[in-house]
Amino acid sequence: MNFNERHLKQNLRRGGHWSKSSAQWLQRQLNDPYVSEAKAQGFRGRAAFKIQQMNQQFHFFKKGARVVDLGCAPGGWSQVAVKAVHSTNEKPLVIGLDLLPTDPIEGALLLQRDFRKPEVAQELIDLLGGQKADVVMSDMAANTTGNHMVDHLRIMGLVETAYDFAVKVLAENGTFIAKIFQGGTEKNLLDQMKRNFKTVKHVKPDASRKDSSEFYVIATGFKENR
């Protein structure tokens, strides 16, 4: 256990200066085996295990594959992707985009960009050597307000925007992976995916918290010219 963890546990035992919700979050972090394992393996967060587990099940990362990580900060998904697709190709194979700056990751190109801007799709393809992406992935979630329906609509709006971007930059037979929260309005998006991809599946990796309504959609076999 490092100094920060000891300090947090001591504060929690003493009552500290935490709000109830903050104390619950800290306690959950300290008791979460994925948090400590992420530190042990050098990942930037427990979310790295989600994409790692999904890849073990669906095998979408191939050696030499071109991967785009939307909302990449802090970089855990990009770290996993780099290890999985690394080759001697001089061009970057993993490109991450985020509104926030992201600390560098060897083997990845991490850019501070708003992927919703129309020029970013072509810039991305240019950075990939004029080729489209094999995988577009998103672990993004909108900031919450506390209103379940409002939060769900905001999250789904973000996923739909990521999907629209993916359709522009994915190569034939490409894969789209995104986080979705159950709430009822995701059906229209999933129906659209089923028209544009050969298979669309839902998965909740073991690393997802059991009390979370999040799940992931994995759409494979993109039909580029449809």
Protein backbone atom coordinates (compact mmCIF):
# COMPACT_ATOMS: atom_id res chain seq x y z
CA MET A 1 0.00 0.00 0.00
CA ASN A 2 1.43 3.42 -0.91
CA PHE A 3 1.42 6.57 1.26
CA ASN A 4 -1.70 8.06 -0.38
CA GLU A 5 -3.73 4.89 0.22
CA ARG A 6 -2.64 4.76 3.88
CA HIS A 7 -3.49 8.43 4.27
CA LEU A 8 -6.95 7.94 2.76
CA LYS A 9 -7.69 4.93 4.96
CA GLN A 10 -6.59 6.82 8.07
CA ASN A 11 -8.83 9.74 7.17
CA LEU A 12 -11.75 7.44 6.49
CA ARG A 13 -11.29 5.72 9.87
CA ARG A 14 -11.12 9.09 11.64
CA GLY A 15 -14.13 10.49 9.82
CA GLY A 16 -11.93 12.83 7.80
CA HIS A 17 -13.42 15.82 5.99
CA TRP A 18 -15.26 13.85 3.32
CA SER A 19 -18.88 14.14 2.29
CA LYS A 20 -20.85 10.91 2.59
CA SER A 21 -20.76 10.31 -1.17
CA SER A 22 -17.02 11.07 -1.35
CA ALA A 23 -16.29 8.73 1.53
CA GLN A 24 -18.28 5.95 -0.14
CA TRP A 25 -16.39 6.49 -3.42
CA LEU A 26 -13.02 6.44 -1.63
CA GLN A 27 -13.91 3.30 0.29
CA ARG A 28 -14.97 1.60 -2.93
CA GLN A 29 -11.73 2.61 -4.66
CA LEU A 30 -9.61 1.30 -1.80
CA ASN A 31 -11.46 -2.02 -1.73
CA ASP A 32 -11.52 -2.52 -5.50
CA PRO A 33 -9.00 -5.18 -6.63
CA TYR A 34 -8.97 -3.74 -10.17
CA VAL A 35 -7.75 -0.39 -8.86
CA SER A 36 -4.73 -1.93 -7.13
CA GLU A 37 -4.07 -4.28 -10.06
CA ALA A 38 -4.13 -1.36 -12.50
CA LYS A 39 -1.41 0.34 -10.43
CA ALA A 40 0.59 -2.88 -10.31
CA GLN A 41 0.48 -3.29 -14.09
CA GLY A 42 1.12 0.38 -14.85
CA PHE A 43 -2.32 1.11 -16.29
CA ARG A 44 -3.79 4.56 -15.84
CA GLY A 45 -7.06 3.28 -14.45
CA ARG A 46 -9.20 0.21 -13.80
CA ALA A 47 -11.05 0.85 -17.10
CA ALA A 48 -8.07 -0.70 -18.92
CA PHE A 49 -9.28 -4.12 -17.78
CA LYS A 50 -12.67 -3.57 -19.41
CA ILE A 51 -11.26 -3.22 -22.92
CA GLN A 52 -8.71 -5.96 -22.21
CA GLN A 53 -11.44 -8.39 -21.18
CA MET A 54 -13.63 -7.49 -24.16
CA ASN A 55 -10.73 -8.06 -26.53
CA GLN A 56 -10.06 -11.47 -24.96
CA GLN A 57 -13.65 -12.37 -25.77
CA PHE A 58 -14.08 -10.80 -29.22
CA HIS A 59 -10.47 -10.49 -30.56
CA PHE A 60 -10.91 -7.12 -32.30
CA PHE A 61 -7.30 -6.00 -31.70
CA LYS A 62 -5.03 -7.52 -34.36
CA LYS A 63 -1.31 -6.95 -34.91
CA GLY A 64 -0.94 -3.92 -37.15
CA ALA A 65 -4.56 -2.79 -36.69
CA ARG A 66 -5.30 0.96 -36.75
CA VAL A 67 -7.15 2.03 -33.60
CA VAL A 68 -8.91 5.27 -32.66
CA ASP A 69 -9.67 5.99 -29.00
CA LEU A 70 -12.34 8.68 -28.58
CA GLY A 71 -12.26 10.51 -25.26
CA CYS A 72 -8.98 8.78 -24.53
CA ALA A 73 -7.97 10.53 -21.27
CA PRO A 74 -6.44 9.37 -19.03
CA GLY A 75 -5.22 6.76 -21.52
CA GLY A 76 -5.90 3.30 -20.12
CA TRP A 77 -7.67 2.00 -23.22
CA SER A 78 -4.92 3.36 -25.46
CA GLN A 79 -2.31 1.59 -23.32
CA VAL A 80 -4.04 -1.76 -23.86
CA ALA A 81 -4.46 -1.11 -27.58
CA VAL A 82 -0.80 -0.25 -28.08
CA LYS A 83 0.31 -3.51 -26.47
CA ALA A 84 -2.14 -5.49 -28.62
CA VAL A 85 -1.53 -3.96 -32.07
CA HIS A 86 2.10 -2.83 -31.84
CA SER A 87 4.18 -3.44 -34.94
CA THR A 88 7.22 -1.92 -36.60
CA ASN A 89 5.03 0.35 -38.72
CA GLU A 90 6.43 3.89 -38.67
CA LYS A 91 2.95 5.41 -38.80
CA PRO A 92 1.00 5.64 -35.52
CA LEU A 93 -1.38 2.74 -35.09
CA VAL A 94 -3.21 4.06 -32.03
CA ILE A 95 -4.54 7.61 -32.08
CA GLY A 96 -6.37 9.05 -29.10
CA LEU A 97 -8.54 12.15 -29.17
CA ASP A 98 -9.76 14.09 -26.15
CA LEU A 99 -10.81 17.61 -25.23
CA LEU A 100 -8.35 17.36 -22.36
CA PRO A 101 -4.58 16.99 -22.69
CA THR A 102 -3.43 13.40 -22.12
CA ASP A 103 0.02 12.42 -20.90
CA PRO A 104 2.05 10.73 -23.67
CA ILE A 105 1.97 6.97 -24.20
CA GLU A 106 4.81 5.35 -26.12
CA GLY A 107 3.46 3.89 -29.35
CA ALA A 108 0.36 6.10 -29.43
CA LEU A 109 -0.40 9.56 -30.77
CA LEU A 110 -2.63 11.40 -28.29
CA LEU A 111 -4.17 14.62 -29.55
CA GLN A 112 -6.17 17.36 -27.88
CA ARG A 113 -9.01 17.55 -30.37
CA ASP A 114 -12.80 17.85 -30.51
CA PHE A 115 -13.76 14.93 -32.75
CA ARG A 116 -17.14 16.59 -33.39
CA LYS A 117 -15.49 19.19 -35.61
CA PRO A 118 -15.89 18.22 -39.29
CA GLU A 119 -12.21 18.57 -40.19
CA VAL A 120 -10.99 16.12 -37.52
CA ALA A 121 -12.15 12.97 -39.37
CA GLN A 122 -9.98 13.75 -42.41
CA GLU A 123 -7.06 14.79 -40.20
CA LEU A 124 -7.27 11.43 -38.49
CA ILE A 125 -7.26 9.50 -41.76
CA ASP A 126 -4.25 11.52 -42.92
CA LEU A 127 -2.42 10.66 -39.69
CA LEU A 128 -3.17 6.99 -40.34
CA GLY A 129 -1.29 7.23 -43.62
CA GLY A 130 -4.40 7.82 -45.72
CA GLN A 131 -6.07 4.67 -44.45
CA LYS A 132 -9.21 4.26 -42.39
CA ALA A 133 -9.38 2.79 -38.89
CA ASP A 134 -9.91 -0.87 -38.06
CA VAL A 135 -11.27 -0.12 -34.59
CA VAL A 136 -13.00 2.95 -33.15
CA MET A 137 -13.62 2.73 -29.42
CA SER A 138 -15.22 5.02 -26.88
CA ASP A 139 -15.42 4.79 -23.10
CA MET A 140 -16.86 8.29 -22.83
CA ALA A 141 -19.65 9.26 -20.47
CA ALA A 142 -21.25 12.69 -20.12
CA ASN A 143 -21.14 14.58 -16.84
CA THR A 144 -24.13 13.64 -14.71
CA THR A 145 -26.79 15.95 -13.29
CA GLY A 146 -28.51 13.52 -10.92
CA ASN A 147 -31.62 13.38 -13.09
CA HIS A 148 -31.68 9.84 -14.50
CA MET A 149 -33.55 10.64 -17.73
CA VAL A 150 -31.56 13.79 -18.46
CA ASP A 151 -28.30 11.97 -17.79
CA HIS A 152 -29.31 9.06 -20.01
CA LEU A 153 -30.23 11.34 -22.90
CA ARG A 154 -26.93 13.22 -22.58
CA ILE A 155 -24.95 10.00 -22.52
CA MET A 156 -26.81 8.61 -25.53
CA GLY A 157 -26.26 11.87 -27.41
CA LEU A 158 -22.52 11.47 -26.82
CA VAL A 159 -22.58 7.84 -27.99
CA GLU A 160 -24.52 8.77 -31.12
CA THR A 161 -21.95 11.47 -31.92
CA ALA A 162 -19.15 8.92 -31.48
CA TYR A 163 -21.00 6.51 -33.74
CA ASP A 164 -21.44 9.16 -36.46
CA PHE A 165 -17.69 9.81 -36.31
CA ALA A 166 -16.89 6.10 -36.45
CA VAL A 167 -18.96 5.65 -39.61
CA LYS A 168 -16.82 8.32 -41.30
CA VAL A 169 -13.45 6.82 -40.39
CA LEU A 170 -13.98 3.04 -40.19
CA ALA A 171 -12.62 0.70 -42.84
CA GLU A 172 -14.59 -2.18 -44.31
CA ASN A 173 -15.17 -4.87 -41.65
CA GLY A 174 -14.13 -2.44 -38.92
CA THR A 175 -15.27 -2.57 -35.30
CA PHE A 176 -17.03 0.03 -33.14
CA ILE A 177 -17.03 -0.29 -29.33
CA ALA A 178 -18.86 2.10 -27.04
CA LYS A 179 -20.17 2.41 -23.52
CA ILE A 180 -23.94 2.64 -23.21
CA PHE A 181 -26.18 2.97 -20.18
CA GLN A 182 -29.49 1.18 -20.00
CA GLY A 183 -32.43 3.53 -20.14
CA GLY A 184 -34.67 2.73 -23.08
CA THR A 185 -33.56 5.26 -25.69
CA GLU A 186 -30.59 3.19 -26.89
CA LYS A 187 -32.82 0.96 -29.08
CA ASN A 188 -32.85 3.34 -32.06
CA LEU A 189 -29.06 3.53 -32.12
CA LEU A 190 -28.70 -0.23 -31.80
CA ASP A 191 -31.16 -0.75 -34.69
CA GLN A 192 -29.06 1.60 -36.82
CA MET A 193 -25.89 -0.30 -35.94
CA LYS A 194 -27.50 -3.58 -36.97
CA ARG A 195 -28.06 -2.15 -40.45
CA ASN A 196 -24.47 -0.97 -40.80
CA PHE A 197 -22.60 -3.85 -39.13
CA LYS A 198 -22.73 -7.60 -39.58
CA THR A 199 -23.03 -8.31 -35.85
CA VAL A 200 -23.96 -6.18 -32.84
CA LYS A 201 -23.52 -7.60 -29.34
CA HIS A 202 -23.84 -6.40 -25.76
CA VAL A 203 -21.33 -7.22 -23.09
CA LYS A 204 -20.70 -6.28 -19.47
CA PRO A 205 -17.07 -7.14 -18.71
CA ASP A 206 -16.18 -8.43 -15.25
CA ALA A 207 -14.26 -5.19 -14.60
CA SER A 208 -17.49 -3.17 -14.84
CA ARG A 209 -18.88 -2.46 -11.43
CA LYS A 210 -21.79 -4.77 -10.65
CA ASP A 211 -23.96 -1.90 -9.40
CA SER A 212 -23.44 0.15 -12.57
CA SER A 213 -26.03 0.26 -15.37
CA GLU A 214 -23.26 0.54 -17.95
CA PHE A 215 -22.72 -2.03 -20.63
CA TYR A 216 -20.81 -2.02 -23.89
CA VAL A 217 -21.93 -2.49 -27.44
CA ILE A 218 -19.50 -4.20 -29.81
CA ALA A 219 -20.40 -3.82 -33.48
CA THR A 220 -18.23 -5.82 -35.89
CA GLY A 221 -18.07 -6.19 -39.66
CA PHE A 222 -18.70 -2.60 -40.73
CA LYS A 223 -20.32 -2.31 -44.17
CA GLU A 224 -18.39 0.70 -45.45
CA ASN A 225 -20.29 1.29 -48.70
CA ARG A 226 -23.78 0.73 -47.36
